[in-house]
N, C-alpha and C. Protein backbone atom coordinates (compact mmCIF):
# COMPACT_ATOMS: atom_id res chain seq x y z
N MET A 1 102.24 110.15 96.16
CA MET A 1 103.56 109.57 96.34
C MET A 1 103.46 108.41 97.32
N GLU A 2 104.02 107.28 96.94
CA GLU A 2 103.96 106.09 97.77
C GLU A 2 105.16 106.06 98.72
N PRO A 3 104.93 105.59 99.95
CA PRO A 3 106.07 105.43 100.87
C PRO A 3 107.06 104.40 100.32
N ASP A 4 108.30 104.48 100.77
CA ASP A 4 109.35 103.59 100.29
C ASP A 4 109.14 102.13 100.67
N ASN A 5 108.39 101.87 101.71
CA ASN A 5 108.22 100.50 102.17
C ASN A 5 107.03 99.79 101.52
N ILE A 6 106.37 100.41 100.54
CA ILE A 6 105.25 99.78 99.85
C ILE A 6 105.67 99.42 98.45
N ILE A 7 105.52 98.15 98.13
CA ILE A 7 105.86 97.66 96.81
C ILE A 7 104.57 97.35 96.09
N PRO A 8 104.31 97.98 94.96
CA PRO A 8 103.06 97.69 94.25
C PRO A 8 103.07 96.26 93.71
N PHE A 9 101.93 95.62 93.77
CA PHE A 9 101.79 94.25 93.30
C PHE A 9 100.83 94.25 92.13
N ASP A 10 101.34 93.89 90.98
CA ASP A 10 100.52 93.86 89.77
C ASP A 10 100.19 92.43 89.40
N GLY A 11 99.52 91.73 90.30
CA GLY A 11 99.13 90.35 90.05
C GLY A 11 97.79 90.28 89.37
N PRO A 12 97.38 89.09 89.02
CA PRO A 12 96.06 88.95 88.38
C PRO A 12 94.95 89.30 89.37
N GLU A 13 93.93 89.90 88.83
CA GLU A 13 92.77 90.27 89.66
C GLU A 13 92.02 89.00 90.07
N PRO A 14 91.57 88.92 91.32
CA PRO A 14 90.80 87.74 91.72
C PRO A 14 89.45 87.71 91.00
N VAL A 15 88.97 86.51 90.79
CA VAL A 15 87.66 86.36 90.16
C VAL A 15 86.60 86.72 91.17
N HIS A 16 85.76 87.69 90.83
CA HIS A 16 84.70 88.10 91.74
C HIS A 16 83.43 87.35 91.39
N ARG A 17 82.94 86.62 92.35
CA ARG A 17 81.69 85.88 92.16
C ARG A 17 80.72 86.37 93.23
N SER A 18 79.48 86.31 92.90
CA SER A 18 78.48 86.76 93.85
C SER A 18 77.78 85.58 94.49
N SER A 19 77.58 85.66 95.79
CA SER A 19 76.80 84.63 96.45
C SER A 19 75.31 84.95 96.36
N ALA A 20 74.97 86.08 95.72
CA ALA A 20 73.58 86.48 95.60
C ALA A 20 72.91 85.92 94.35
N ILE A 21 73.68 85.22 93.52
CA ILE A 21 73.10 84.62 92.32
C ILE A 21 72.25 83.43 92.76
N PRO A 22 71.00 83.33 92.28
CA PRO A 22 70.14 82.22 92.71
C PRO A 22 70.72 80.86 92.30
N MET A 23 70.45 79.86 93.14
CA MET A 23 70.94 78.51 92.87
C MET A 23 70.14 77.89 91.73
N LYS A 24 70.79 77.02 90.98
CA LYS A 24 70.12 76.32 89.89
C LYS A 24 69.34 75.15 90.47
N ASN A 25 68.09 75.04 90.06
CA ASN A 25 67.19 74.00 90.57
C ASN A 25 67.72 72.60 90.38
N ASP A 26 68.29 72.31 89.21
CA ASP A 26 68.78 70.95 88.95
C ASP A 26 69.92 70.58 89.89
N LEU A 27 70.75 71.55 90.24
CA LEU A 27 71.84 71.28 91.18
C LEU A 27 71.29 71.01 92.58
N VAL A 28 70.28 71.76 92.97
CA VAL A 28 69.66 71.57 94.28
C VAL A 28 69.06 70.17 94.36
N GLU A 29 68.37 69.75 93.30
CA GLU A 29 67.74 68.43 93.29
C GLU A 29 68.79 67.31 93.37
N LYS A 30 69.88 67.44 92.60
CA LYS A 30 70.93 66.41 92.63
C LYS A 30 71.61 66.36 94.00
N ALA A 31 71.89 67.54 94.57
CA ALA A 31 72.54 67.58 95.88
C ALA A 31 71.63 67.03 96.97
N SER A 32 70.31 67.25 96.82
CA SER A 32 69.37 66.76 97.83
C SER A 32 69.25 65.23 97.80
N GLU A 33 69.67 64.61 96.71
CA GLU A 33 69.73 63.14 96.67
C GLU A 33 70.89 62.64 97.53
N ILE A 34 71.91 63.47 97.69
CA ILE A 34 73.08 63.09 98.49
C ILE A 34 72.90 63.48 99.95
N VAL A 35 72.42 64.70 100.18
CA VAL A 35 72.13 65.19 101.54
C VAL A 35 70.62 65.37 101.59
N SER A 36 69.94 64.39 102.14
CA SER A 36 68.47 64.35 102.04
C SER A 36 67.75 65.35 102.95
N ASP A 37 68.35 65.73 104.06
CA ASP A 37 67.70 66.68 104.97
C ASP A 37 67.92 68.10 104.45
N PRO A 38 66.85 68.80 104.08
CA PRO A 38 67.00 70.15 103.50
C PRO A 38 67.72 71.13 104.42
N LEU A 39 67.48 71.04 105.72
CA LEU A 39 68.15 71.97 106.65
C LEU A 39 69.65 71.71 106.70
N VAL A 40 70.03 70.46 106.65
CA VAL A 40 71.45 70.11 106.66
C VAL A 40 72.10 70.57 105.36
N LEU A 41 71.41 70.38 104.24
CA LEU A 41 71.93 70.82 102.95
C LEU A 41 72.12 72.33 102.94
N ILE A 42 71.15 73.06 103.45
CA ILE A 42 71.26 74.52 103.51
C ILE A 42 72.45 74.94 104.36
N ASN A 43 72.62 74.30 105.50
CA ASN A 43 73.75 74.64 106.38
C ASN A 43 75.09 74.30 105.74
N LEU A 44 75.15 73.17 105.07
CA LEU A 44 76.39 72.75 104.41
C LEU A 44 76.75 73.73 103.29
N VAL A 45 75.78 74.08 102.48
CA VAL A 45 76.02 75.04 101.39
C VAL A 45 76.39 76.41 101.97
N SER A 46 75.70 76.83 103.01
CA SER A 46 75.99 78.14 103.62
C SER A 46 77.41 78.22 104.16
N LYS A 47 77.86 77.17 104.82
CA LYS A 47 79.22 77.16 105.37
C LYS A 47 80.25 77.19 104.25
N ARG A 48 79.98 76.44 103.18
CA ARG A 48 80.93 76.42 102.06
C ARG A 48 80.94 77.76 101.34
N VAL A 49 79.78 78.39 101.17
CA VAL A 49 79.71 79.73 100.55
C VAL A 49 80.51 80.72 101.39
N ALA A 50 80.40 80.64 102.71
CA ALA A 50 81.19 81.53 103.58
C ALA A 50 82.68 81.32 103.35
N GLN A 51 83.11 80.06 103.20
CA GLN A 51 84.52 79.78 102.93
C GLN A 51 84.94 80.36 101.58
N LEU A 52 84.11 80.19 100.58
CA LEU A 52 84.43 80.71 99.25
C LEU A 52 84.48 82.24 99.26
N ASN A 53 83.61 82.86 100.04
CA ASN A 53 83.61 84.33 100.16
C ASN A 53 84.89 84.85 100.80
N THR A 54 85.53 84.03 101.64
CA THR A 54 86.77 84.47 102.28
C THR A 54 88.01 84.17 101.44
N GLY A 55 87.80 83.62 100.24
CA GLY A 55 88.92 83.42 99.34
C GLY A 55 89.34 81.98 99.12
N ARG A 56 88.67 81.03 99.74
CA ARG A 56 89.01 79.62 99.49
C ARG A 56 88.76 79.30 98.02
N ALA A 57 89.57 78.46 97.46
CA ALA A 57 89.46 78.10 96.05
C ALA A 57 88.38 77.05 95.85
N PRO A 58 87.61 77.16 94.77
CA PRO A 58 86.63 76.12 94.46
C PRO A 58 87.33 74.79 94.19
N LEU A 59 86.68 73.70 94.56
CA LEU A 59 87.23 72.36 94.36
C LEU A 59 86.76 71.74 93.05
N VAL A 60 85.97 72.47 92.29
CA VAL A 60 85.48 72.03 90.99
C VAL A 60 85.75 73.13 89.97
N ASP A 61 85.81 72.74 88.71
CA ASP A 61 85.95 73.73 87.65
C ASP A 61 84.60 74.42 87.46
N ALA A 62 84.64 75.75 87.43
CA ALA A 62 83.41 76.51 87.25
C ALA A 62 83.70 77.78 86.46
N LEU A 63 82.72 78.20 85.72
CA LEU A 63 82.85 79.45 84.98
C LEU A 63 82.87 80.62 85.96
N PRO A 64 83.52 81.72 85.60
CA PRO A 64 83.54 82.89 86.49
C PRO A 64 82.15 83.42 86.84
N SER A 65 81.17 83.14 85.99
CA SER A 65 79.81 83.63 86.24
C SER A 65 79.02 82.72 87.18
N THR A 66 79.61 81.60 87.59
CA THR A 66 78.92 80.66 88.46
C THR A 66 78.91 81.19 89.89
N GLY A 67 77.76 81.22 90.52
CA GLY A 67 77.64 81.71 91.89
C GLY A 67 78.24 80.73 92.89
N PHE A 68 78.59 81.23 94.06
CA PHE A 68 79.19 80.40 95.10
C PHE A 68 78.28 79.27 95.55
N ALA A 69 76.98 79.53 95.63
CA ALA A 69 76.05 78.48 96.07
C ALA A 69 76.05 77.32 95.07
N ASP A 70 76.07 77.64 93.78
CA ASP A 70 76.12 76.59 92.76
C ASP A 70 77.45 75.83 92.82
N ILE A 71 78.53 76.53 93.09
CA ILE A 71 79.82 75.86 93.24
C ILE A 71 79.77 74.89 94.41
N ALA A 72 79.21 75.33 95.54
CA ALA A 72 79.08 74.47 96.71
C ALA A 72 78.23 73.24 96.39
N LEU A 73 77.13 73.43 95.67
CA LEU A 73 76.27 72.32 95.28
C LEU A 73 77.01 71.35 94.36
N MET A 74 77.78 71.88 93.40
CA MET A 74 78.55 71.01 92.50
C MET A 74 79.60 70.23 93.28
N GLU A 75 80.20 70.86 94.28
CA GLU A 75 81.19 70.17 95.10
C GLU A 75 80.54 69.02 95.88
N ILE A 76 79.33 69.23 96.36
CA ILE A 76 78.60 68.16 97.06
C ILE A 76 78.28 67.03 96.09
N ILE A 77 77.77 67.38 94.92
CA ILE A 77 77.38 66.39 93.91
C ILE A 77 78.59 65.55 93.48
N GLU A 78 79.73 66.20 93.30
CA GLU A 78 80.94 65.49 92.85
C GLU A 78 81.69 64.82 93.99
N GLY A 79 81.18 64.93 95.22
CA GLY A 79 81.81 64.26 96.35
C GLY A 79 83.08 64.95 96.85
N LYS A 80 83.26 66.20 96.49
CA LYS A 80 84.45 66.95 96.92
C LYS A 80 84.34 67.42 98.36
N ILE A 81 83.11 67.69 98.81
CA ILE A 81 82.88 68.02 100.22
C ILE A 81 81.79 67.09 100.73
N LYS A 82 81.95 66.70 101.97
CA LYS A 82 81.00 65.76 102.58
C LYS A 82 80.65 66.22 103.97
N LEU A 83 79.51 65.78 104.41
CA LEU A 83 79.07 66.04 105.78
C LEU A 83 79.70 65.01 106.70
N VAL A 84 80.34 65.48 107.74
CA VAL A 84 80.93 64.58 108.72
C VAL A 84 80.02 64.59 109.93
N GLU A 85 79.43 63.46 110.22
CA GLU A 85 78.48 63.34 111.34
C GLU A 85 79.21 63.59 112.67
N GLY A 86 78.57 64.35 113.52
CA GLY A 86 79.09 64.59 114.88
C GLY A 86 80.18 65.63 114.95
N SER A 87 80.50 66.32 113.84
CA SER A 87 81.53 67.34 113.92
C SER A 87 80.92 68.63 114.42
N GLU A 88 81.54 69.22 115.40
CA GLU A 88 81.06 70.47 115.98
C GLU A 88 82.16 71.50 115.84
N GLU A 89 81.78 72.73 115.51
CA GLU A 89 82.77 73.80 115.41
C GLU A 89 82.76 74.65 116.64
């Protein structure tokens, strides 16, 4: 029995994507042409994957089977996310 103050929500189920899916090599190569330092690219992708894991919406169209790392790489390639020099969190 549910308490009176709880209203069930029958909304669409969120798309579950895994960040454990390996990145596609061609995307890594294209993104590395834009962000040439591999350590910076790794950090940029990692931060974006963390955002996607917390529910942020992808900035590019992607299939539900596309992993978060590939989405982050596609966003870099398409210029949707960029590295801002000197930004500190």
